[in-house]
PDB file of N, CA and C in Angstrom:
ATOM      1  N   MET A   1      46.722 -19.981   3.177  1.00  0.00           N
ATOM      2  CA  MET A   1      45.307 -19.697   3.025  1.00  0.00           C
ATOM      3  C   MET A   1      44.505 -20.844   3.640  1.00  0.00           C
ATOM      4  N   ALA A   2      43.514 -20.502   4.417  1.00  0.00           N
ATOM      5  CA  ALA A   2      42.723 -21.529   5.097  1.00  0.00           C
ATOM      6  C   ALA A   2      41.806 -22.228   4.100  1.00  0.00           C
ATOM      7  N   ARG A   3      41.593 -23.472   4.358  1.00  0.00           N
ATOM      8  CA  ARG A   3      40.725 -24.259   3.483  1.00  0.00           C
ATOM      9  C   ARG A   3      39.267 -24.003   3.867  1.00  0.00           C
ATOM     10  N   ARG A   4      38.429 -23.712   2.875  1.00  0.00           N
ATOM     11  CA  ARG A   4      37.019 -23.429   3.144  1.00  0.00           C
ATOM     12  C   ARG A   4      36.224 -24.724   3.155  1.00  0.00           C
ATOM     13  N   THR A   5      35.268 -24.799   4.053  1.00  0.00           N
ATOM     14  CA  THR A   5      34.434 -25.982   4.164  1.00  0.00           C
ATOM     15  C   THR A   5      33.015 -25.647   3.710  1.00  0.00           C
ATOM     16  N   LEU A   6      32.157 -26.649   3.687  1.00  0.00           N
ATOM     17  CA  LEU A   6      30.768 -26.446   3.295  1.00  0.00           C
ATOM     18  C   LEU A   6      30.074 -25.483   4.258  1.00  0.00           C
ATOM     19  N   ALA A   7      30.440 -25.533   5.542  1.00  0.00           N
ATOM     20  CA  ALA A   7      29.825 -24.648   6.540  1.00  0.00           C
ATOM     21  C   ALA A   7      30.150 -23.188   6.251  1.00  0.00           C
ATOM     22  N   ASP A   8      31.282 -22.904   5.605  1.00  0.00           N
ATOM     23  CA  ASP A   8      31.637 -21.522   5.286  1.00  0.00           C
ATOM     24  C   ASP A   8      30.746 -20.954   4.183  1.00  0.00           C
ATOM     25  N   ARG A   9      30.237 -21.813   3.323  1.00  0.00           N
ATOM     26  CA  ARG A   9      29.422 -21.348   2.201  1.00  0.00           C
ATOM     27  C   ARG A   9      27.935 -21.273   2.549  1.00  0.00           C
ATOM     28  N   ARG A  10      27.522 -21.918   3.639  1.00  0.00           N
ATOM     29  CA  ARG A  10      26.116 -21.892   4.047  1.00  0.00           C
ATOM     30  C   ARG A  10      25.792 -20.587   4.764  1.00  0.00           C
ATOM     31  N   PRO A  11      24.541 -20.138   4.672  1.00  0.00           N
ATOM     32  CA  PRO A  11      24.179 -18.957   5.466  1.00  0.00           C
ATOM     33  C   PRO A  11      24.286 -19.258   6.951  1.00  0.00           C
ATOM     34  N   ALA A  12      24.531 -18.253   7.719  1.00  0.00           N
ATOM     35  CA  ALA A  12      24.715 -18.438   9.160  1.00  0.00           C
ATOM     36  C   ALA A  12      23.369 -18.740   9.805  1.00  0.00           C
ATOM     37  N   THR A  13      23.113 -19.996  10.065  1.00  0.00           N
ATOM     38  CA  THR A  13      21.831 -20.372  10.653  1.00  0.00           C
ATOM     39  C   THR A  13      21.905 -20.385  12.174  1.00  0.00           C
ATOM     40  N   ARG A  14      23.107 -20.509  12.732  1.00  0.00           N
ATOM     41  CA  ARG A  14      23.221 -20.571  14.184  1.00  0.00           C
ATOM     42  C   ARG A  14      23.181 -19.196  14.819  1.00  0.00           C
ATOM     43  N   TYR A  15      23.743 -18.203  14.151  1.00  0.00           N
ATOM     44  CA  TYR A  15      23.790 -16.857  14.718  1.00  0.00           C
ATOM     45  C   TYR A  15      22.613 -16.051  14.191  1.00  0.00           C
ATOM     46  N   ARG A  16      21.769 -15.573  15.089  1.00  0.00           N
ATOM     47  CA  ARG A  16      20.664 -14.708  14.684  1.00  0.00           C
ATOM     48  C   ARG A  16      20.752 -13.427  15.491  1.00  0.00           C
ATOM     49  N   PRO A  17      21.014 -12.296  14.826  1.00  0.00           N
ATOM     50  CA  PRO A  17      21.096 -11.043  15.564  1.00  0.00           C
ATOM     51  C   PRO A  17      19.769 -10.717  16.254  1.00  0.00           C
ATOM     52  N   PRO A  18      19.773  -9.909  17.295  1.00  0.00           N
ATOM     53  CA  PRO A  18      18.551  -9.624  18.040  1.00  0.00           C
ATOM     54  C   PRO A  18      17.439  -9.027  17.181  1.00  0.00           C
ATOM     55  N   TRP A  19      17.794  -8.268  16.148  1.00  0.00           N
ATOM     56  CA  TRP A  19      16.758  -7.645  15.321  1.00  0.00           C
ATOM     57  C   TRP A  19      16.105  -8.640  14.385  1.00  0.00           C
ATOM     58  N   ARG A  20      16.589  -9.886  14.308  1.00  0.00           N
ATOM     59  CA  ARG A  20      15.977 -10.902  13.452  1.00  0.00           C
ATOM     60  C   ARG A  20      15.003 -11.783  14.222  1.00  0.00           C
ATOM     61  N   LYS A  21      14.794 -11.501  15.512  1.00  0.00           N
ATOM     62  CA  LYS A  21      13.873 -12.319  16.294  1.00  0.00           C
ATOM     63  C   LYS A  21      12.450 -12.104  15.791  1.00  0.00           C
ATOM     64  N   PRO A  22      11.622 -13.141  15.773  1.00  0.00           N
ATOM     65  CA  PRO A  22      10.249 -12.965  15.302  1.00  0.00           C
ATOM     66  C   PRO A  22       9.457 -12.009  16.197  1.00  0.00           C
ATOM     67  N   VAL A  23       8.640 -11.198  15.579  1.00  0.00           N
ATOM     68  CA  VAL A  23       7.828 -10.222  16.296  1.00  0.00           C
ATOM     69  C   VAL A  23       6.438 -10.824  16.494  1.00  0.00           C
ATOM     70  N   PRO A  24       5.912 -10.802  17.716  1.00  0.00           N
ATOM     71  CA  PRO A  24       4.579 -11.369  17.924  1.00  0.00           C
ATOM     72  C   PRO A  24       3.499 -10.534  17.239  1.00  0.00           C
ATOM     73  N   GLY A  25       2.437 -11.181  16.843  1.00  0.00           N
ATOM     74  CA  GLY A  25       1.318 -10.478  16.217  1.00  0.00           C
ATOM     75  C   GLY A  25       1.185 -10.840  14.752  1.00  0.00           C
ATOM     76  N   PRO A  26       0.215 -10.237  14.061  1.00  0.00           N
ATOM     77  CA  PRO A  26       0.008 -10.574  12.651  1.00  0.00           C
ATOM     78  C   PRO A  26       1.167 -10.099  11.785  1.00  0.00           C
ATOM     79  N   ALA A  27       1.432 -10.839  10.727  1.00  0.00           N
ATOM     80  CA  ALA A  27       2.551 -10.511   9.841  1.00  0.00           C
ATOM     81  C   ALA A  27       2.180  -9.409   8.853  1.00  0.00           C
ATOM     82  N   HIS A  28       0.909  -9.257   8.552  1.00  0.00           N
ATOM     83  CA  HIS A  28       0.471  -8.262   7.576  1.00  0.00           C
ATOM     84  C   HIS A  28      -0.651  -7.425   8.171  1.00  0.00           C
ATOM     85  N   THR A  29      -0.722  -6.191   7.725  1.00  0.00           N
ATOM     86  CA  THR A  29      -1.821  -5.339   8.171  1.00  0.00           C
ATOM     87  C   THR A  29      -2.962  -5.455   7.164  1.00  0.00           C
ATOM     88  N   ILE A  30      -4.158  -5.276   7.626  1.00  0.00           N
ATOM     89  CA  ILE A  30      -5.326  -5.323   6.749  1.00  0.00           C
ATOM     90  C   ILE A  30      -5.589  -3.901   6.273  1.00  0.00           C
ATOM     91  N   LYS A  31      -5.604  -3.723   4.953  1.00  0.00           N
ATOM     92  CA  LYS A  31      -5.794  -2.389   4.385  1.00  0.00           C
ATOM     93  C   LYS A  31      -7.272  -2.032   4.407  1.00  0.00           C
ATOM     94  N   LYS A  32      -7.545  -0.753   4.738  1.00  0.00           N
ATOM     95  CA  LYS A  32      -8.910  -0.254   4.796  1.00  0.00           C
ATOM     96  C   LYS A  32      -9.108   0.782   3.687  1.00  0.00           C
ATOM     97  N   LEU A  33     -10.342   1.085   3.373  1.00  0.00           N
ATOM     98  CA  LEU A  33     -10.631   2.096   2.355  1.00  0.00           C
ATOM     99  C   LEU A  33     -10.004   3.421   2.768  1.00  0.00           C
ATOM    100  N   GLY A  34      -9.350   4.063   1.829  1.00  0.00           N
ATOM    101  CA  GLY A  34      -8.703   5.339   2.096  1.00  0.00           C
ATOM    102  C   GLY A  34      -7.227   5.217   2.416  1.00  0.00           C
ATOM    103  N   ASP A  35      -6.725   3.991   2.664  1.00  0.00           N
ATOM    104  CA  ASP A  35      -5.303   3.806   2.952  1.00  0.00           C
ATOM    105  C   ASP A  35      -4.477   4.124   1.701  1.00  0.00           C
ATOM    106  N   VAL A  36      -3.326   4.717   1.911  1.00  0.00           N
ATOM    107  CA  VAL A  36      -2.427   5.071   0.812  1.00  0.00           C
ATOM    108  C   VAL A  36      -1.230   4.136   0.849  1.00  0.00           C
ATOM    109  N   GLU A  37      -0.821   3.677  -0.331  1.00  0.00           N
ATOM    110  CA  GLU A  37       0.309   2.764  -0.445  1.00  0.00           C
ATOM    111  C   GLU A  37       1.305   3.349  -1.435  1.00  0.00           C
ATOM    112  N   MET A  38       2.597   3.225  -1.117  1.00  0.00           N
ATOM    113  CA  MET A  38       3.624   3.699  -2.030  1.00  0.00           C
ATOM    114  C   MET A  38       4.016   2.562  -2.958  1.00  0.00           C
ATOM    115  N   THR A  39       4.000   2.800  -4.265  1.00  0.00           N
ATOM    116  CA  THR A  39       4.401   1.796  -5.249  1.00  0.00           C
ATOM    117  C   THR A  39       5.635   2.302  -5.978  1.00  0.00           C
ATOM    118  N   SER A  40       6.134   1.501  -6.899  1.00  0.00           N
ATOM    119  CA  SER A  40       7.328   1.907  -7.647  1.00  0.00           C
ATOM    120  C   SER A  40       7.030   3.058  -8.598  1.00  0.00           C
ATOM    121  N   THR A  41       5.752   3.268  -8.948  1.00  0.00           N
ATOM    122  CA  THR A  41       5.411   4.339  -9.889  1.00  0.00           C
ATOM    123  C   THR A  41       4.805   5.556  -9.214  1.00  0.00           C
ATOM    124  N   GLY A  42       4.585   5.524  -7.911  1.00  0.00           N
ATOM    125  CA  GLY A  42       4.007   6.672  -7.222  1.00  0.00           C
ATOM    126  C   GLY A  42       3.185   6.223  -6.031  1.00  0.00           C
ATOM    127  N   PHE A  43       2.077   6.915  -5.772  1.00  0.00           N
ATOM    128  CA  PHE A  43       1.220   6.595  -4.640  1.00  0.00           C
ATOM    129  C   PHE A  43      -0.145   6.157  -5.144  1.00  0.00           C
ATOM    130  N   ALA A  44      -0.782   5.244  -4.403  1.00  0.00           N
ATOM    131  CA  ALA A  44      -2.107   4.772  -4.767  1.00  0.00           C
ATOM    132  C   ALA A  44      -2.969   4.741  -3.517  1.00  0.00           C
ATOM    133  N   ARG A  45      -4.249   5.118  -3.674  1.00  0.00           N
ATOM    134  CA  ARG A  45      -5.199   5.103  -2.565  1.00  0.00           C
ATOM    135  C   ARG A  45      -6.192   3.976  -2.807  1.00  0.00           C
ATOM    136  N   LEU A  46      -6.491   3.234  -1.751  1.00  0.00           N
ATOM    137  CA  LEU A  46      -7.434   2.126  -1.858  1.00  0.00           C
ATOM    138  C   LEU A  46      -8.861   2.662  -1.851  1.00  0.00           C
ATOM    139  N   THR A  47      -9.607   2.371  -2.901  1.00  0.00           N
ATOM    140  CA  THR A  47     -11.013   2.747  -2.997  1.00  0.00           C
ATOM    141  C   THR A  47     -11.835   1.481  -3.123  1.00  0.00           C
ATOM    142  N   SER A  48     -13.155   1.625  -3.214  1.00  0.00           N
ATOM    143  CA  SER A  48     -14.001   0.436  -3.352  1.00  0.00           C
ATOM    144  C   SER A  48     -13.769  -0.270  -4.686  1.00  0.00           C
ATOM    145  N   ALA A  49     -13.231   0.439  -5.679  1.00  0.00           N
ATOM    146  CA  ALA A  49     -12.940  -0.157  -6.986  1.00  0.00           C
ATOM    147  C   ALA A  49     -11.527  -0.732  -7.049  1.00  0.00           C
ATOM    148  N   GLY A  50     -10.736  -0.559  -6.011  1.00  0.00           N
ATOM    149  CA  GLY A  50      -9.354  -1.034  -6.009  1.00  0.00           C
ATOM    150  C   GLY A  50      -8.410   0.136  -5.793  1.00  0.00           C
ATOM    151  N   PHE A  51      -7.132  -0.079  -6.049  1.00  0.00           N
ATOM    152  CA  PHE A  51      -6.154   0.990  -5.864  1.00  0.00           C
ATOM    153  C   PHE A  51      -6.210   1.954  -7.046  1.00  0.00           C
ATOM    154  N   GLU A  52      -6.262   3.246  -6.761  1.00  0.00           N
ATOM    155  CA  GLU A  52      -6.254   4.276  -7.788  1.00  0.00           C
ATOM    156  C   GLU A  52      -5.067   5.180  -7.533  1.00  0.00           C
ATOM    157  N   ARG A  53      -4.360   5.513  -8.600  1.00  0.00           N
ATOM    158  CA  ARG A  53      -3.168   6.350  -8.481  1.00  0.00           C
ATOM    159  C   ARG A  53      -3.545   7.773  -8.074  1.00  0.00           C
ATOM    160  N   ILE A  54      -2.769   8.332  -7.169  1.00  0.00           N
ATOM    161  CA  ILE A  54      -2.957   9.732  -6.780  1.00  0.00           C
ATOM    162  C   ILE A  54      -1.661  10.478  -7.047  1.00  0.00           C
ATOM    163  N   ASP A  55      -1.760  11.755  -7.281  1.00  0.00           N
ATOM    164  CA  ASP A  55      -0.555  12.562  -7.542  1.00  0.00           C
ATOM    165  C   ASP A  55      -0.274  13.512  -6.411  1.00  0.00           C
TER     166      ASP A  55
END
């Protein structure tokens, strides 16, 4: 059995698959009134009063 080293237990920092490359542009989208968001309990629509649950 091969002896494991500290490098074996660390996450692979040298190898980055192509899909992990940073994407240019903003990291988050700005939500506008009327946008719908999926939550763990259902769907919510953004209104001027905040997110309201929709069915």
